[in-house]
Protein backbone atom coordinates (compact mmCIF):
# COMPACT_ATOMS: atom_id res chain seq x y z
CA UNK A 1 107.61 96.65 90.85
CA UNK A 2 108.61 100.26 90.75
CA UNK A 3 107.79 102.62 93.58
CA UNK A 4 105.18 104.30 91.37
CA UNK A 5 103.51 100.98 90.67
CA UNK A 6 103.49 100.11 94.37
CA UNK A 7 102.02 103.53 95.17
CA UNK A 8 99.18 103.09 92.66
CA UNK A 9 98.32 99.60 93.91
CA UNK A 10 98.40 100.78 97.53
CA UNK A 11 96.23 103.84 96.81
CA UNK A 12 93.76 101.72 94.84
CA UNK A 13 93.43 99.43 97.86
CA UNK A 14 92.99 102.43 100.18
CA UNK A 15 90.21 103.83 97.97
CA UNK A 16 88.50 100.42 97.83
CA UNK A 17 88.57 100.08 101.60
CA UNK A 18 87.36 103.68 101.99
CA UNK A 19 84.39 103.01 99.67
CA UNK A 20 83.39 99.92 101.66
CA UNK A 21 83.81 101.67 105.02
CA UNK A 22 81.88 104.74 103.82
CA UNK A 23 78.99 102.54 102.74
CA UNK A 24 79.02 100.56 105.99
CA UNK A 25 79.00 103.73 108.08
CA UNK A 26 76.59 105.79 105.96
CA UNK A 27 73.88 103.13 105.63
CA UNK A 28 72.97 102.87 109.33
CA UNK A 29 73.37 106.63 109.79
CA UNK A 30 70.98 107.43 106.96
CA UNK A 31 68.55 104.76 108.14
CA UNK A 32 68.65 106.18 111.69
CA UNK A 33 67.67 109.66 110.54
CA UNK A 34 65.08 108.37 108.09
CA UNK A 35 66.77 109.26 104.79
CA UNK A 36 66.61 107.17 101.64
CA UNK A 37 69.43 104.70 101.04
CA UNK A 38 70.57 105.62 97.50
CA UNK A 39 73.12 108.25 98.65
CA UNK A 40 75.14 105.42 100.24
CA UNK A 41 75.72 103.84 96.85
CA UNK A 42 76.52 107.18 95.23
CA UNK A 43 79.07 107.98 97.94
CA UNK A 44 80.70 104.54 97.62
CA UNK A 45 80.77 104.81 93.82
CA UNK A 46 82.34 108.28 93.87
CA UNK A 47 85.08 107.07 96.21
CA UNK A 48 85.46 104.01 93.97
CA UNK A 49 86.26 106.28 91.01
CA UNK A 50 89.55 107.08 92.76
CA UNK A 51 90.27 103.36 92.96
CA UNK A 52 89.41 102.94 89.28
CA UNK A 53 91.80 105.72 88.30
CA UNK A 54 94.66 104.18 90.31
CA UNK A 55 93.88 100.70 88.93
CA UNK A 56 94.07 102.09 85.39
CA UNK A 57 97.41 103.75 86.16
CA UNK A 58 98.68 100.53 87.75
CA UNK A 59 97.64 98.52 84.67
CA UNK A 60 99.40 101.02 82.39
CA UNK A 61 102.61 100.68 84.42
CA UNK A 62 102.38 96.91 83.96
CA UNK A 63 102.21 97.34 80.20
CA UNK A 64 98.48 96.58 80.01
CA UNK A 65 95.62 98.68 78.71
CA UNK A 66 94.60 101.27 81.29
CA UNK A 67 91.12 101.48 79.76
CA UNK A 68 90.61 97.71 79.78
CA UNK A 69 91.12 97.63 83.56
CA UNK A 70 90.16 101.15 84.70
CA UNK A 71 86.85 101.36 82.86
CA UNK A 72 85.37 98.11 84.25
CA UNK A 73 86.67 99.12 87.69
CA UNK A 74 84.69 102.37 87.46
CA UNK A 75 81.46 100.35 87.37
CA UNK A 76 81.57 99.62 91.08
CA UNK A 77 83.46 98.48 94.12
CA UNK A 78 83.00 94.76 93.43
CA UNK A 79 84.30 95.20 89.88
CA UNK A 80 87.28 97.15 91.23
CA UNK A 81 88.11 94.36 93.66
CA UNK A 82 88.06 91.87 90.76
CA UNK A 83 90.34 94.13 88.69
CA UNK A 84 92.69 94.60 91.68
CA UNK A 85 93.02 90.83 92.13
CA UNK A 86 93.49 90.26 88.38
CA UNK A 87 96.25 92.85 88.16
CA UNK A 88 97.97 91.42 91.22
CA UNK A 89 97.82 87.88 89.79
CA UNK A 90 98.73 88.77 86.20
CA UNK A 91 101.72 90.96 87.07
CA UNK A 92 103.72 92.78 84.40
CA UNK A 93 103.48 91.60 80.81
CA UNK A 94 106.43 89.51 79.64
CA UNK A 95 108.98 91.80 78.03
CA UNK A 96 107.31 95.02 79.18
CA UNK A 97 109.70 97.78 80.16
CA UNK A 98 108.84 99.41 83.48
CA UNK A 99 109.64 103.10 83.47
CA UNK A 100 112.24 104.18 85.98
CA UNK A 101 110.87 105.80 89.12
């Protein structure tokens, strides 16, 4: 894996964790002050978009379609976790040339 590929996978994981933590912190806070709960999901999804972008870039560096992995990842945090695991398990395509860092 190139340093760029490692950076994208690491940042995708950071964004995924941030989306989960933001939802876990925001839900009790909003409930405590009596607000509706839907902003929690919007906040988590917006943070998840960063993860989706990095997952798409990571897929592209592996020689796979960035849209095929990034677009499903944009649907939500659970979908991004599935894409993250798939990319980690699949690894680079056979014969794909990784660009130099």
